[in-house]
Protein backbone atom coordinates (compact mmCIF):
# COMPACT_ATOMS: atom_id res chain seq x y z
CA UNK A 1 -43.34 -46.73 41.44
CA UNK A 2 -44.78 -49.38 39.56
CA UNK A 3 -46.47 -52.76 41.65
CA UNK A 4 -45.18 -55.70 40.97
CA UNK A 5 -48.35 -56.64 39.17
CA UNK A 6 -47.91 -54.01 36.34
CA UNK A 7 -44.62 -54.75 36.29
CA UNK A 8 -45.26 -58.58 34.89
CA UNK A 9 -47.94 -57.32 32.97
CA UNK A 10 -45.31 -54.86 31.06
CA UNK A 11 -43.22 -57.83 30.88
CA UNK A 12 -45.63 -60.12 29.42
CA UNK A 13 -46.40 -57.64 26.68
CA UNK A 14 -42.92 -57.28 25.72
CA UNK A 15 -42.57 -61.06 25.76
CA UNK A 16 -45.88 -61.18 23.25
CA UNK A 17 -44.36 -58.99 20.01
CA UNK A 18 -42.15 -61.26 18.75
CA UNK A 19 -44.76 -64.12 19.27
CA UNK A 20 -47.65 -61.50 17.55
CA UNK A 21 -44.86 -60.29 14.72
CA UNK A 22 -44.38 -64.26 13.83
CA UNK A 23 -48.15 -64.92 13.78
CA UNK A 24 -48.31 -61.94 11.38
CA UNK A 25 -45.94 -63.23 8.97
CA UNK A 26 -47.02 -66.64 9.22
CA UNK A 27 -50.44 -65.46 8.10
CA UNK A 28 -49.10 -63.15 5.55
CA UNK A 29 -47.07 -66.19 4.09
CA UNK A 30 -50.40 -68.15 4.04
CA UNK A 31 -52.43 -65.84 2.74
CA UNK A 32 -49.66 -66.21 -0.53
CA UNK A 33 -49.57 -69.67 -0.60
CA UNK A 34 -52.90 -69.95 -2.25
CA UNK A 35 -52.85 -67.90 -5.00
CA UNK A 36 -49.18 -68.84 -5.76
CA UNK A 37 -50.60 -72.56 -5.88
CA UNK A 38 -53.27 -71.46 -7.95
CA UNK A 39 -51.17 -69.53 -10.38
CA UNK A 40 -48.84 -72.95 -10.52
CA UNK A 41 -51.87 -74.84 -11.48
CA UNK A 42 -53.06 -72.29 -14.32
CA UNK A 43 -49.28 -71.97 -15.56
CA UNK A 44 -48.97 -75.87 -15.48
CA UNK A 45 -52.37 -75.79 -17.82
CA UNK A 46 -50.93 -73.19 -19.95
CA UNK A 47 -47.36 -74.70 -20.70
CA UNK A 48 -49.44 -78.23 -21.64
CA UNK A 49 -52.37 -76.86 -23.45
CA UNK A 50 -51.04 -73.30 -24.58
CA UNK A 51 -52.73 -69.93 -23.77
CA UNK A 52 -55.98 -71.61 -24.01
CA UNK A 53 -55.40 -73.11 -20.52
CA UNK A 54 -55.51 -69.41 -18.86
CA UNK A 55 -59.35 -69.31 -19.50
CA UNK A 56 -59.70 -70.89 -16.28
CA UNK A 57 -57.90 -68.49 -14.41
CA UNK A 58 -61.02 -66.63 -13.51
CA UNK A 59 -63.36 -69.51 -12.87
CA UNK A 60 -60.52 -70.84 -10.18
CA UNK A 61 -60.08 -67.27 -8.46
CA UNK A 62 -63.90 -67.24 -8.22
CA UNK A 63 -64.40 -70.38 -6.72
CA UNK A 64 -61.31 -71.11 -4.71
CA UNK A 65 -60.73 -67.11 -3.36
CA UNK A 66 -64.35 -65.99 -3.76
CA UNK A 67 -63.17 -63.22 -5.78
CA UNK A 68 -65.48 -60.87 -7.90
CA UNK A 69 -64.97 -61.31 -11.89
CA UNK A 70 -63.69 -57.62 -11.84
CA UNK A 71 -60.86 -58.21 -9.24
CA UNK A 72 -60.26 -61.84 -10.74
CA UNK A 73 -59.80 -60.53 -14.52
CA UNK A 74 -56.85 -58.19 -13.97
CA UNK A 75 -55.02 -61.22 -12.35
CA UNK A 76 -55.94 -63.61 -15.05
CA UNK A 77 -54.57 -61.17 -17.62
CA UNK A 78 -51.38 -60.95 -16.04
CA UNK A 79 -51.13 -64.72 -16.58
CA UNK A 80 -52.07 -64.58 -19.98
CA UNK A 81 -49.79 -62.01 -20.69
CA UNK A 82 -46.74 -64.16 -19.46
CA UNK A 83 -48.25 -67.54 -21.14
CA UNK A 84 -48.70 -65.95 -24.50
CA UNK A 85 -45.87 -64.08 -24.22
CA UNK A 86 -43.80 -67.22 -24.05
CA UNK A 87 -45.46 -68.72 -26.64
CA UNK A 88 -45.23 -65.37 -29.05
CA UNK A 89 -41.07 -65.15 -28.60
CA UNK A 90 -40.94 -68.36 -29.08
CA UNK A 91 -42.68 -68.12 -32.62
CA UNK A 92 -41.19 -64.73 -33.60
CA UNK A 93 -37.44 -66.18 -33.12
CA UNK A 94 -38.98 -69.07 -35.57
CA UNK A 95 -40.24 -66.23 -37.86
CA UNK A 96 -44.14 -68.04 -37.92
CA UNK A 97 -46.02 -64.96 -36.45
CA UNK A 98 -47.55 -62.77 -39.16
CA UNK A 99 -46.82 -59.98 -37.09
CA UNK A 100 -48.74 -57.04 -39.56
CA UNK A 101 -51.88 -59.20 -39.04
CA UNK A 102 -50.87 -59.43 -35.22
CA UNK A 103 -50.95 -55.58 -34.73
CA UNK A 104 -53.86 -55.02 -36.73
CA UNK A 105 -55.79 -57.43 -34.62
CA UNK A 106 -54.39 -56.26 -31.56
CA UNK A 107 -55.09 -52.46 -32.29
CA UNK A 108 -58.77 -53.62 -32.93
CA UNK A 109 -58.69 -55.61 -29.65
CA UNK A 110 -57.31 -52.75 -27.65
CA UNK A 111 -60.29 -50.45 -29.07
CA UNK A 112 -62.56 -52.78 -27.49
CA UNK A 113 -61.20 -53.97 -24.25
CA UNK A 114 -62.56 -50.75 -22.67
CA UNK A 115 -65.74 -51.45 -23.34
CA UNK A 116 -65.76 -54.88 -21.74
CA UNK A 117 -63.79 -53.81 -18.64
CA UNK A 118 -66.85 -51.05 -18.46
CA UNK A 119 -69.46 -53.99 -18.21
CA UNK A 120 -67.23 -56.35 -15.96
CA UNK A 121 -67.42 -53.45 -13.53
CA UNK A 122 -71.17 -52.73 -13.80
CA UNK A 123 -72.80 -56.62 -14.61
CA UNK A 124 -73.79 -58.47 -11.78
CA UNK A 125 -71.68 -61.14 -10.76
CA UNK A 126 -74.25 -63.71 -11.66
CA UNK A 127 -74.24 -62.79 -15.41
CA UNK A 128 -70.52 -62.83 -15.51
CA UNK A 129 -70.65 -66.03 -14.00
CA UNK A 130 -73.13 -67.39 -16.56
CA UNK A 131 -71.38 -65.72 -19.26
CA UNK A 132 -68.11 -67.92 -18.03
CA UNK A 133 -70.02 -71.39 -17.60
CA UNK A 134 -71.16 -71.18 -21.09
CA UNK A 135 -67.85 -70.20 -22.27
CA UNK A 136 -65.96 -73.03 -20.40
CA UNK A 137 -68.96 -75.48 -21.47
CA UNK A 138 -68.13 -74.05 -25.50
CA UNK A 139 -64.21 -74.73 -25.09
CA UNK A 140 -64.80 -78.27 -23.61
CA UNK A 141 -66.86 -79.09 -26.74
CA UNK A 142 -64.27 -77.72 -28.85
CA UNK A 143 -61.67 -79.50 -27.26
CA UNK A 144 -63.34 -82.69 -26.93
CA UNK A 145 -64.11 -82.78 -30.65
CA UNK A 146 -60.70 -81.66 -31.83
CA UNK A 147 -59.64 -79.78 -34.83
CA UNK A 148 -62.62 -79.54 -37.31
CA UNK A 149 -61.42 -79.13 -41.08
CA UNK A 150 -62.55 -76.74 -43.57
CA UNK A 151 -64.71 -77.44 -46.43
CA UNK A 152 -62.79 -78.10 -49.42
CA UNK A 153 -63.16 -74.52 -51.80
CA UNK A 154 -64.66 -72.54 -48.64
CA UNK A 155 -64.23 -68.56 -49.25
CA UNK A 156 -61.03 -66.67 -47.63
CA UNK A 157 -60.31 -63.30 -47.33
CA UNK A 158 -57.46 -63.47 -46.71
CA UNK A 159 -54.56 -65.21 -48.89
CA UNK A 160 -50.79 -65.58 -48.77
CA UNK A 161 -48.03 -64.82 -51.27
CA UNK A 162 -46.39 -68.24 -51.67
CA UNK A 163 -42.98 -66.51 -52.31
CA UNK A 164 -42.94 -64.34 -48.90
CA UNK A 165 -45.23 -66.24 -46.51
CA UNK A 166 -46.92 -62.61 -46.05
CA UNK A 167 -50.63 -61.72 -46.43
CA UNK A 168 -51.84 -60.26 -49.20
CA UNK A 169 -53.79 -57.26 -47.75
CA UNK A 170 -57.18 -55.98 -49.20
CA UNK A 171 -59.92 -54.55 -47.70
CA UNK A 172 -62.11 -57.95 -47.13
CA UNK A 173 -58.97 -59.51 -45.38
CA UNK A 174 -58.24 -56.26 -43.01
CA UNK A 175 -62.08 -56.62 -42.16
CA UNK A 176 -62.05 -59.92 -40.98
CA UNK A 177 -59.08 -59.63 -38.91
CA UNK A 178 -60.04 -56.43 -37.52
CA UNK A 179 -63.54 -57.85 -36.66
CA UNK A 180 -61.72 -60.78 -34.86
CA UNK A 181 -59.78 -58.66 -33.03
CA UNK A 182 -62.49 -56.34 -31.71
CA UNK A 183 -64.27 -59.41 -30.26
CA UNK A 184 -61.09 -60.48 -29.00
CA UNK A 185 -60.40 -57.42 -27.02
CA UNK A 186 -64.12 -57.02 -25.90
CA UNK A 187 -64.00 -60.63 -24.48
CA UNK A 188 -60.53 -60.02 -22.84
CA UNK A 189 -61.60 -57.03 -20.97
CA UNK A 190 -65.38 -58.60 -20.15
CA UNK A 191 -63.86 -61.58 -18.65
CA UNK A 192 -60.12 -61.26 -18.07
CA UNK A 193 -59.59 -63.89 -20.95
CA UNK A 194 -57.14 -63.81 -23.86
CA UNK A 195 -59.17 -64.55 -26.43
CA UNK A 196 -57.97 -67.22 -28.04
CA UNK A 197 -61.21 -68.92 -28.69
CA UNK A 198 -61.83 -66.22 -30.89
CA UNK A 199 -58.75 -65.64 -33.06
CA UNK A 200 -57.49 -69.56 -33.72
CA UNK A 201 -60.94 -70.06 -35.40
CA UNK A 202 -60.95 -67.10 -37.47
CA UNK A 203 -57.41 -67.25 -38.42
CA UNK A 204 -58.24 -71.03 -39.57
CA UNK A 205 -61.61 -69.48 -41.42
CA UNK A 206 -59.97 -66.48 -42.69
CA UNK A 207 -56.88 -67.36 -43.63
CA UNK A 208 -54.45 -70.39 -45.20
CA UNK A 209 -51.95 -70.18 -42.75
CA UNK A 210 -50.80 -73.16 -41.34
CA UNK A 211 -51.86 -74.32 -37.65
CA UNK A 212 -48.08 -73.60 -36.68
CA UNK A 213 -48.05 -70.02 -37.67
CA UNK A 214 -51.86 -69.38 -36.68
CA UNK A 215 -51.00 -70.23 -32.84
CA UNK A 216 -47.59 -68.27 -33.16
CA UNK A 217 -49.55 -65.23 -34.56
CA UNK A 218 -52.58 -65.61 -32.41
CA UNK A 219 -50.27 -65.80 -29.05
CA UNK A 220 -48.93 -62.40 -30.03
CA UNK A 221 -52.23 -60.73 -30.26
CA UNK A 222 -53.32 -61.94 -26.89
CA UNK A 223 -49.73 -60.66 -25.06
CA UNK A 224 -50.52 -57.22 -26.54
CA UNK A 225 -54.38 -57.27 -25.79
CA UNK A 226 -53.67 -58.81 -22.26
CA UNK A 227 -51.12 -56.02 -21.74
CA UNK A 228 -53.20 -53.32 -22.62
CA UNK A 229 -55.90 -54.68 -20.48
CA UNK A 230 -53.81 -54.41 -17.77
CA UNK A 231 -52.79 -51.02 -18.56
CA UNK A 232 -56.26 -49.68 -18.19
CA UNK A 233 -56.93 -52.13 -14.76
CA UNK A 234 -53.84 -50.43 -13.44
CA UNK A 235 -55.05 -46.90 -14.49
CA UNK A 236 -58.32 -47.78 -12.71
CA UNK A 237 -56.32 -48.98 -9.30
CA UNK A 238 -58.21 -52.29 -9.58
CA UNK A 239 -55.56 -54.39 -9.65
CA UNK A 240 -55.06 -56.37 -6.08
CA UNK A 241 -50.93 -56.55 -6.30
CA UNK A 242 -51.09 -58.41 -2.45
CA UNK A 243 -52.54 -61.62 -4.50
CA UNK A 244 -51.84 -60.60 -8.19
CA UNK A 245 -47.67 -60.96 -7.26
CA UNK A 246 -47.85 -64.47 -5.83
CA UNK A 247 -50.22 -65.68 -8.83
CA UNK A 248 -47.77 -64.33 -11.25
CA UNK A 249 -44.90 -66.05 -9.56
CA UNK A 250 -46.42 -69.45 -9.41
CA UNK A 251 -48.01 -68.69 -13.52
CA UNK A 252 -43.89 -68.57 -14.49
CA UNK A 253 -43.22 -71.81 -12.40
CA UNK A 254 -45.94 -73.46 -13.79
CA UNK A 255 -45.68 -72.72 -17.25
CA UNK A 256 -41.99 -73.65 -17.02
CA UNK A 257 -43.16 -77.20 -15.99
CA UNK A 258 -46.01 -77.18 -18.15
CA UNK A 259 -43.63 -76.96 -21.09
CA UNK A 260 -41.19 -79.23 -20.09
CA UNK A 261 -43.79 -81.90 -19.54
CA UNK A 262 -45.95 -81.27 -22.63
CA UNK A 263 -43.54 -83.22 -25.19
CA UNK A 264 -44.23 -86.49 -23.06
CA UNK A 265 -47.71 -86.64 -22.79
CA UNK A 266 -50.16 -87.31 -25.71
CA UNK A 267 -52.07 -84.71 -27.62
CA UNK A 268 -54.96 -86.37 -27.29
CA UNK A 269 -55.19 -87.33 -23.78
CA UNK A 270 -54.50 -83.64 -22.89
CA UNK A 271 -57.07 -82.73 -24.79
CA UNK A 272 -59.25 -84.64 -23.37
CA UNK A 273 -58.21 -83.74 -19.70
CA UNK A 274 -58.72 -80.38 -20.16
CA UNK A 275 -62.16 -80.78 -21.88
CA UNK A 276 -62.97 -82.56 -18.68
CA UNK A 277 -61.79 -79.91 -16.59
CA UNK A 278 -63.04 -77.01 -18.61
CA UNK A 279 -66.68 -79.14 -18.08
CA UNK A 280 -66.18 -79.58 -14.42
CA UNK A 281 -65.48 -75.93 -14.04
CA UNK A 282 -68.26 -74.90 -15.88
CA UNK A 283 -70.82 -76.74 -13.53
CA UNK A 284 -69.14 -75.45 -10.65
CA UNK A 285 -69.64 -71.68 -11.93
CA UNK A 286 -73.29 -72.56 -13.03
CA UNK A 287 -74.12 -73.83 -9.81
CA UNK A 288 -72.54 -70.78 -7.91
CA UNK A 289 -74.07 -68.45 -9.92
CA UNK A 290 -77.46 -70.18 -9.25
CA UNK A 291 -77.19 -70.39 -5.87
CA UNK A 292 -76.27 -66.38 -5.70
């Protein structure tokens, strides 16, 4: 027969179980809250500035959640796929995506992405951090400078049929676009970014497309390359789903909010704010890499 003390201990343990379950649920909720907020911030930037805002996803995950780049990269690619995919669908509906060029660049990018992923998993974290700091610094400088105009009469390997708006394909054009796709895929795999910082300047330099068409076409490429990279990370079992899902949910909300706010804010002010944020993040990443 149990003693009174044993009965009391058993009753106390039974009473504590709901409290432990409640504490566990609370901790799980708090664990999902921070990734959701980071995803919302990333999505807001992407909605305000375009898919280029996704370049801050990996640095934020590294700085706030202390994730290594190889864990942050697939989570970032999910955000890029959402933000870029949204813009690409709008472009496809408007008929301004040059889909053959997008498919060529995306195919080249998917070929180069595995090499970037391989290096991301093998290079020291400090090296990846330095690459990110340099990338963010370049992005800040480009955004602060604004759009550079091409020189008059500068050679372009790609030309467009004035009657149809489609590319007149030739070998120099195919090589130029495939090269841009290869670089995009490599950086996407290495750093978990979309690669718009490669695509947009390349399309401006090699084609006579309007900026609206360049943006829509580059978003289509980014979507396909990001999805290809995600498939490779998933095949290796390297996606932290418990963190990725709340991050993606926050990204969806942030993109919707950013797209709503963007028409009401001056483009120059947005560009300056994004440049300042990129510069500050570059300094923070560089300091962390130096300390490590």
